[in-house]
Amino acid sequence: MKQNVVEDYNLISGQQKAAILMLSLDEERSSALFSMMDDEEIKELSVIMASLGKVNSSVVEQLFQEFTDRLSNNSSLMGTYESTERLLSKALDKDRVAAIMDEISGPAGRTMWDKLGNVNEHVLANYIKNEYPQTIAVILSKIKAEHAAKVIALLPENFAMEIIMRMLRMDSVQKEVLDSLEKTLRKEFMSNLSKSTRRDSHELIADIFNSLDRNTETRFMEALEERNRESADRVKSLMFTFEDLVRVDAQGIQILLRNVDKDKLAVALKGASDTIKELFFSNMSSRAGKIIKEDMEAMGPVRLRDVEEAQQYIVSTTKELSNAGEIVISEGKDNDELIY
């Protein structure tokens, strides 16, 4: 991701000037200023500080010329999540800092309901499905109708109808109830969401390698092994390949079969091992299996590139279904250990 660079002093806002000034002061002085602000002011300024990026030294100089004749710092600045948290910690207690940082690191939005509206519908549905129907009704009534519709569509039909009926019968919700629910969502859901969204770099590389064609993936993996064997082993353990479909149970394979293009499946199985072929055929009806086998025979020789693309399509669909909670992929280390 390209890093923001503040270079033109004439284009920065007053809030950005305040953020640059706070970052340029020593921690004692900035802490004193923070202690004079209320929570809302701190949140607004913290968002700007955390997203500021690199500030050109000439901008810092012009800013100080505006506020004082004496330049106290002629170096460039870097506004980051960590530097903002460190400064806040000098002026505020631990719980208050944690609440503010959770606010600015969670999905964008000024209020809790704005933030929920920016949470992926699969993630939100997976969280609220264990709540009381009345609680879910309140939550869905507070977010945008379009987003609420996507969440409801992911819930079991009977359960979803129960929620809909409660929404229809729901009167105005007491402020105390809303405040309590908002506090719980912020503490239990948003804080965990913001932590979980900070992805491990090895997971990111594993996903990237999974998306490469086999030759390119092999070339990059060999290069990584030469430079850092430990990281290469970690990435390998996190990668999910076509042959790893053996880690999906029978029910999962049946769900996968209902969600993939049968023509692409035939091409993917053309280059699969006997174990993977048996995994799929044993979870099809004899008629469906016969059709797939006839299609495989009729297509004749198939280019390796086409087989790899088809297998990657099956893998991607599998991971999407797993992320949505529709199928389970075994960890592979222990038959009883599952990844949801």
Protein backbone atom coordinates (compact mmCIF):
# COMPACT_ATOMS: atom_id res chain seq x y z
CA MET A 1 0.00 0.00 0.00
CA LYS A 2 1.33 3.40 -0.97
CA GLN A 3 2.21 5.56 2.01
CA ASN A 4 0.65 9.00 2.42
CA VAL A 5 3.12 11.88 2.19
CA VAL A 6 2.16 15.40 3.27
CA GLU A 7 4.20 17.75 1.06
CA ASP A 8 2.15 20.90 0.34
CA TYR A 9 1.50 23.09 3.37
CA ASN A 10 -1.20 25.03 1.55
CA LEU A 11 -3.32 21.90 1.10
CA ILE A 12 -3.44 20.65 4.69
CA SER A 13 -6.46 21.26 6.92
CA GLY A 14 -6.57 22.82 10.36
CA GLN A 15 -7.04 19.38 11.92
CA GLN A 16 -3.96 18.09 10.13
CA LYS A 17 -1.98 21.09 11.38
CA ALA A 18 -3.05 20.28 14.93
CA ALA A 19 -2.05 16.62 14.44
CA ILE A 20 1.38 17.57 13.06
CA LEU A 21 1.91 19.98 15.93
CA MET A 22 1.04 17.31 18.52
CA LEU A 23 3.38 14.80 16.91
CA SER A 24 6.23 17.32 16.78
CA LEU A 25 6.04 18.25 20.46
CA ASP A 26 7.80 16.22 23.11
CA GLU A 27 5.65 13.72 24.98
CA GLU A 28 5.38 15.82 28.15
CA ARG A 29 3.93 18.85 26.33
CA SER A 30 1.64 16.83 24.06
CA SER A 31 0.39 14.89 27.09
CA ALA A 32 -0.46 18.14 28.85
CA LEU A 33 -2.51 19.23 25.84
CA PHE A 34 -4.33 15.90 25.62
CA SER A 35 -5.29 16.11 29.28
CA MET A 36 -7.22 19.33 28.51
CA MET A 37 -9.35 17.74 25.79
CA ASP A 38 -12.54 15.71 26.09
CA ASP A 39 -12.87 12.19 24.67
CA GLU A 40 -14.52 13.30 21.42
CA GLU A 41 -11.77 15.83 20.69
CA ILE A 42 -9.10 13.22 21.44
CA LYS A 43 -10.78 10.69 19.14
CA GLU A 44 -11.03 13.16 16.25
CA LEU A 45 -7.42 14.26 16.61
CA SER A 46 -6.19 10.67 17.09
CA VAL A 47 -7.79 9.54 13.84
CA ILE A 48 -5.91 12.28 11.96
CA MET A 49 -2.63 11.50 13.74
CA ALA A 50 -2.84 7.77 13.14
CA SER A 51 -3.57 8.15 9.41
CA LEU A 52 -1.28 11.11 8.72
CA GLY A 53 1.64 9.18 7.25
CA LYS A 54 4.91 10.95 6.48
CA VAL A 55 5.10 14.74 6.81
CA ASN A 56 7.71 16.54 4.73
CA SER A 57 10.15 18.56 6.82
CA SER A 58 9.31 21.74 4.86
CA VAL A 59 5.70 21.40 6.00
CA VAL A 60 6.84 21.14 9.61
CA GLU A 61 8.96 24.25 9.17
CA GLN A 62 6.10 26.27 7.69
CA LEU A 63 3.77 25.12 10.45
CA PHE A 64 6.15 26.31 13.15
CA GLN A 65 6.70 29.58 11.34
CA GLU A 66 2.97 30.11 11.54
CA PHE A 67 2.83 29.47 15.28
CA THR A 68 6.20 30.74 16.37
CA ASP A 69 9.27 32.49 15.01
CA ARG A 70 11.55 29.84 16.39
CA LEU A 71 11.81 26.48 14.67
CA SER A 72 12.02 23.69 17.24
CA ASN A 73 12.07 20.66 15.01
CA ASN A 74 13.21 20.47 11.39
CA SER A 75 12.82 16.75 10.90
CA SER A 76 10.04 14.95 9.12
CA LEU A 77 7.38 13.18 11.18
CA MET A 78 5.57 9.86 10.95
CA GLY A 79 2.05 9.65 12.29
CA THR A 80 1.22 6.01 13.08
CA TYR A 81 -1.12 3.96 15.22
CA GLU A 82 1.75 3.11 17.58
CA SER A 83 3.07 6.68 18.01
CA THR A 84 -0.45 7.94 18.69
CA GLU A 85 -1.07 5.22 21.28
CA ARG A 86 2.25 6.00 22.98
CA LEU A 87 1.41 9.71 23.28
CA LEU A 88 -2.07 9.03 24.62
CA SER A 89 -0.64 6.65 27.22
CA LYS A 90 1.36 9.51 28.74
CA ALA A 91 -1.78 11.51 29.50
CA LEU A 92 -4.63 9.04 29.95
CA ASP A 93 -5.29 5.87 31.91
CA LYS A 94 -4.90 2.47 30.25
CA ASP A 95 -8.63 1.71 29.81
CA ARG A 96 -9.35 5.09 28.26
CA VAL A 97 -6.45 4.73 25.81
CA ALA A 98 -7.60 1.21 24.86
CA ALA A 99 -11.15 2.44 24.18
CA ILE A 100 -9.92 5.31 22.00
CA MET A 101 -7.49 3.15 20.01
CA ASP A 102 -10.16 0.47 19.48
CA GLU A 103 -12.41 3.20 18.13
CA ILE A 104 -9.92 4.49 15.59
CA SER A 105 -8.61 1.06 14.55
CA GLY A 106 -12.04 -0.51 13.99
CA PRO A 107 -14.11 -0.17 10.80
CA ALA A 108 -14.54 3.47 9.76
CA GLY A 109 -17.49 5.37 11.21
CA ARG A 110 -18.20 7.97 13.86
CA THR A 111 -20.71 5.94 15.87
CA MET A 112 -20.85 2.28 16.83
CA TRP A 113 -23.78 1.78 14.44
CA ASP A 114 -21.82 3.41 11.60
CA LYS A 115 -18.98 1.00 12.32
CA LEU A 116 -21.26 -2.05 12.33
CA GLY A 117 -22.53 -0.94 8.95
CA ASN A 118 -18.98 -1.27 7.60
CA VAL A 119 -18.39 -4.77 9.00
CA ASN A 120 -18.55 -7.59 6.43
CA GLU A 121 -22.02 -9.17 6.55
CA HIS A 122 -20.59 -12.68 7.00
CA VAL A 123 -18.53 -11.56 10.00
CA LEU A 124 -21.46 -9.72 11.56
CA ALA A 125 -23.91 -12.59 10.96
CA ASN A 126 -21.48 -15.08 12.48
CA TYR A 127 -21.19 -12.91 15.60
CA ILE A 128 -24.86 -12.12 16.21
CA LYS A 129 -26.21 -15.61 15.43
CA ASN A 130 -25.48 -16.60 19.05
CA GLU A 131 -27.28 -13.60 20.54
CA TYR A 132 -30.90 -13.40 21.71
CA PRO A 133 -33.33 -12.63 18.86
CA GLN A 134 -34.41 -9.41 20.59
CA THR A 135 -30.81 -8.21 20.82
CA ILE A 136 -30.25 -8.99 17.12
CA ALA A 137 -33.48 -7.15 16.26
CA VAL A 138 -32.20 -4.02 18.01
CA ILE A 139 -28.81 -4.24 16.27
CA LEU A 140 -30.31 -4.71 12.80
CA SER A 141 -32.78 -1.90 13.35
CA LYS A 142 -29.89 0.50 13.98
CA ILE A 143 -27.87 -0.21 10.81
CA LYS A 144 -28.71 0.56 7.19
CA ALA A 145 -31.54 -1.53 5.71
CA GLU A 146 -29.38 -2.75 2.81
CA HIS A 147 -26.71 -4.09 5.15
CA ALA A 148 -29.28 -5.56 7.56
CA ALA A 149 -30.84 -7.43 4.62
CA LYS A 150 -27.52 -9.06 3.73
CA VAL A 151 -27.03 -10.17 7.33
CA ILE A 152 -30.56 -11.58 7.67
CA ALA A 153 -30.12 -13.54 4.44
CA LEU A 154 -27.16 -15.38 6.00
CA LEU A 155 -29.08 -16.51 9.11
CA PRO A 156 -31.13 -19.75 9.28
CA GLU A 157 -34.59 -19.04 7.83
CA ASN A 158 -36.65 -19.80 10.96
CA PHE A 159 -34.29 -17.81 13.15
CA ALA A 160 -34.32 -14.92 10.67
CA MET A 161 -38.14 -14.86 10.67
CA GLU A 162 -38.17 -14.74 14.46
CA ILE A 163 -35.92 -11.67 14.32
CA ILE A 164 -38.08 -10.04 11.65
CA MET A 165 -41.22 -10.56 13.75
CA ARG A 166 -39.50 -8.98 16.77
CA MET A 167 -38.41 -6.02 14.64
CA LEU A 168 -42.02 -5.55 13.54
CA ARG A 169 -43.29 -5.59 17.14
CA MET A 170 -40.44 -3.52 18.56
CA ASP A 171 -41.26 -0.24 20.27
CA SER A 172 -38.74 2.54 20.91
CA VAL A 173 -35.68 1.22 22.73
CA GLN A 174 -34.70 2.82 26.01
CA LYS A 175 -31.51 4.86 25.92
CA GLU A 176 -30.03 2.83 28.80
CA VAL A 177 -30.54 -0.39 26.83
CA LEU A 178 -28.90 1.09 23.71
CA ASP A 179 -25.97 2.45 25.74
CA SER A 180 -25.43 -0.93 27.37
CA LEU A 181 -25.61 -2.77 24.04
CA GLU A 182 -23.25 -0.27 22.40
CA LYS A 183 -20.76 -0.69 25.26
CA THR A 184 -20.88 -4.48 24.93
CA LEU A 185 -20.42 -4.35 21.14
CA ARG A 186 -17.44 -2.04 21.50
CA LYS A 187 -15.80 -4.15 24.20
CA GLU A 188 -16.50 -7.67 22.96
CA PHE A 189 -16.87 -7.36 19.19
CA MET A 190 -15.12 -4.28 17.82
CA SER A 191 -11.99 -4.65 19.93
CA ASN A 192 -11.61 -8.30 18.88
CA LEU A 193 -12.38 -7.39 15.27
CA SER A 194 -9.70 -4.70 15.16
CA LYS A 195 -7.14 -7.14 16.59
CA SER A 196 -8.12 -9.96 14.24
CA THR A 197 -7.90 -7.74 11.17
CA ARG A 198 -4.20 -7.10 11.77
CA ARG A 199 -3.13 -10.01 9.60
CA ASP A 200 -0.02 -12.02 10.14
CA SER A 201 2.41 -11.28 7.31
CA HIS A 202 2.98 -14.99 6.71
CA GLU A 203 -0.77 -15.50 6.18
CA LEU A 204 -0.77 -12.69 3.63
CA ILE A 205 2.16 -14.21 1.70
CA ALA A 206 0.50 -17.66 1.86
CA ASP A 207 -2.64 -16.21 0.25
CA ILE A 208 -0.53 -14.49 -2.42
CA PHE A 209 1.41 -17.68 -3.17
CA ASN A 210 -1.87 -19.61 -3.37
CA SER A 211 -2.99 -17.25 -6.14
CA LEU A 212 0.14 -17.73 -8.26
CA ASP A 213 0.42 -20.32 -11.01
CA ARG A 214 2.36 -23.38 -9.95
CA ASN A 215 5.62 -22.55 -11.73
CA THR A 216 5.75 -19.01 -10.36
CA GLU A 217 4.82 -20.20 -6.88
CA THR A 218 7.61 -22.80 -6.95
CA ARG A 219 10.13 -20.21 -8.11
CA PHE A 220 9.21 -17.75 -5.36
CA MET A 221 9.08 -20.44 -2.69
CA GLU A 222 12.57 -21.69 -3.62
CA ALA A 223 13.89 -18.12 -3.46
CA LEU A 224 12.25 -17.65 -0.04
CA GLU A 225 13.75 -20.91 1.21
CA GLU A 226 17.23 -19.67 0.26
CA ARG A 227 16.77 -16.40 2.13
CA ASN A 228 14.75 -17.51 5.15
CA ARG A 229 14.01 -21.20 5.66
CA GLU A 230 11.93 -20.57 8.79
CA SER A 231 9.58 -18.13 7.03
CA ALA A 232 9.28 -20.45 4.02
CA ASP A 233 8.21 -23.33 6.27
CA ARG A 234 5.68 -21.08 8.01
CA VAL A 235 4.20 -19.94 4.68
CA LYS A 236 4.01 -23.55 3.44
CA SER A 237 2.09 -24.58 6.56
CA LEU A 238 -0.45 -21.80 5.97
CA MET A 239 -1.00 -22.45 2.27
CA PHE A 240 -4.10 -24.37 1.16
CA THR A 241 -3.73 -26.27 -2.09
CA PHE A 242 -5.98 -28.45 -4.23
CA GLU A 243 -4.56 -31.59 -2.63
CA ASP A 244 -5.41 -30.15 0.80
CA LEU A 245 -9.09 -30.70 -0.01
CA VAL A 246 -8.67 -34.02 1.82
CA ARG A 247 -8.95 -31.85 4.97
CA VAL A 248 -12.60 -31.09 4.10
CA ASP A 249 -15.16 -33.56 5.43
CA ALA A 250 -17.84 -35.29 3.34
CA GLN A 251 -20.53 -32.73 4.18
CA GLY A 252 -18.17 -29.92 3.19
CA ILE A 253 -17.36 -31.56 -0.15
CA GLN A 254 -21.08 -31.91 -0.86
CA ILE A 255 -21.61 -28.21 -0.11
CA LEU A 256 -18.63 -27.38 -2.34
CA LEU A 257 -20.11 -29.46 -5.18
CA ARG A 258 -23.29 -27.38 -5.02
CA ASN A 259 -21.30 -24.17 -5.38
CA VAL A 260 -18.78 -24.88 -8.15
CA ASP A 261 -19.06 -24.89 -11.94
CA LYS A 262 -19.18 -28.55 -13.02
CA ASP A 263 -17.22 -27.90 -16.23
CA LYS A 264 -14.37 -26.35 -14.23
CA LEU A 265 -14.53 -29.21 -11.74
CA ALA A 266 -14.08 -31.71 -14.56
CA VAL A 267 -10.96 -29.86 -15.78
CA ALA A 268 -9.60 -29.62 -12.20
CA LEU A 269 -10.08 -33.34 -11.59
CA LYS A 270 -8.37 -34.15 -14.90
CA GLY A 271 -5.03 -33.40 -13.24
CA ALA A 272 -5.92 -34.50 -9.69
CA SER A 273 -4.54 -37.40 -7.71
CA ASP A 274 -6.60 -40.58 -7.35
CA THR A 275 -7.24 -39.66 -3.71
CA ILE A 276 -8.84 -36.31 -4.63
CA LYS A 277 -10.84 -37.85 -7.46
CA GLU A 278 -12.23 -40.47 -5.09
CA LEU A 279 -13.01 -37.75 -2.54
CA PHE A 280 -15.27 -35.98 -5.03
CA PHE A 281 -16.80 -39.02 -6.75
CA SER A 282 -17.66 -40.67 -3.43
CA ASN A 283 -19.71 -37.61 -2.51
CA MET A 284 -21.65 -37.47 -5.80
CA SER A 285 -24.57 -39.53 -6.96
CA SER A 286 -23.55 -42.34 -9.33
CA ARG A 287 -25.29 -40.47 -12.17
CA ALA A 288 -23.46 -37.18 -11.48
CA GLY A 289 -20.15 -39.01 -11.15
CA LYS A 290 -20.71 -40.79 -14.45
CA ILE A 291 -21.40 -37.47 -16.23
CA ILE A 292 -18.22 -35.86 -14.82
CA LYS A 293 -16.11 -38.88 -15.84
CA GLU A 294 -17.57 -38.85 -19.36
CA ASP A 295 -16.83 -35.12 -19.62
CA MET A 296 -13.22 -35.74 -18.51
CA GLU A 297 -12.75 -38.43 -21.14
CA ALA A 298 -14.40 -36.37 -23.89
CA MET A 299 -12.19 -33.31 -23.38
CA GLY A 300 -9.01 -35.22 -24.30
CA PRO A 301 -5.60 -33.71 -23.44
CA VAL A 302 -5.84 -30.52 -21.37
CA ARG A 303 -3.18 -27.82 -20.97
CA LEU A 304 -1.50 -27.80 -17.55
CA ARG A 305 -2.26 -24.07 -17.24
CA ASP A 306 -6.00 -24.74 -17.67
CA VAL A 307 -5.92 -27.49 -15.04
CA GLU A 308 -4.10 -25.24 -12.55
CA GLU A 309 -6.56 -22.39 -13.15
CA ALA A 310 -9.52 -24.72 -12.58
CA GLN A 311 -7.95 -26.14 -9.43
CA GLN A 312 -7.26 -22.63 -8.13
CA TYR A 313 -10.93 -21.78 -8.74
CA ILE A 314 -11.98 -24.78 -6.62
CA VAL A 315 -9.51 -23.78 -3.87
CA SER A 316 -10.73 -20.16 -3.86
CA THR A 317 -14.37 -21.28 -3.64
CA THR A 318 -13.47 -23.61 -0.77
CA LYS A 319 -11.81 -20.81 1.18
CA GLU A 320 -14.74 -18.46 0.57
CA LEU A 321 -17.17 -21.05 1.89
CA SER A 322 -14.90 -21.68 4.88
CA ASN A 323 -14.67 -17.97 5.67
CA ALA A 324 -18.46 -17.77 5.50
CA GLY A 325 -18.72 -20.62 8.01
CA GLU A 326 -20.47 -22.96 5.57
CA ILE A 327 -17.76 -25.63 5.54
CA VAL A 328 -15.00 -26.65 7.93
CA ILE A 329 -11.36 -27.23 7.04
CA SER A 330 -9.48 -29.52 9.41
CA GLU A 331 -6.19 -28.20 10.78
CA GLY A 332 -4.47 -31.36 9.65
CA LYS A 333 -2.43 -31.76 12.84
CA ASP A 334 -5.16 -33.38 14.92
CA ASN A 335 -8.36 -34.96 13.69
CA ASP A 336 -10.29 -33.29 16.49
CA GLU A 337 -8.88 -29.81 15.86
CA LEU A 338 -10.91 -27.65 13.50
CA ILE A 339 -10.55 -24.24 11.87
CA TYR A 340 -13.77 -22.27 11.54
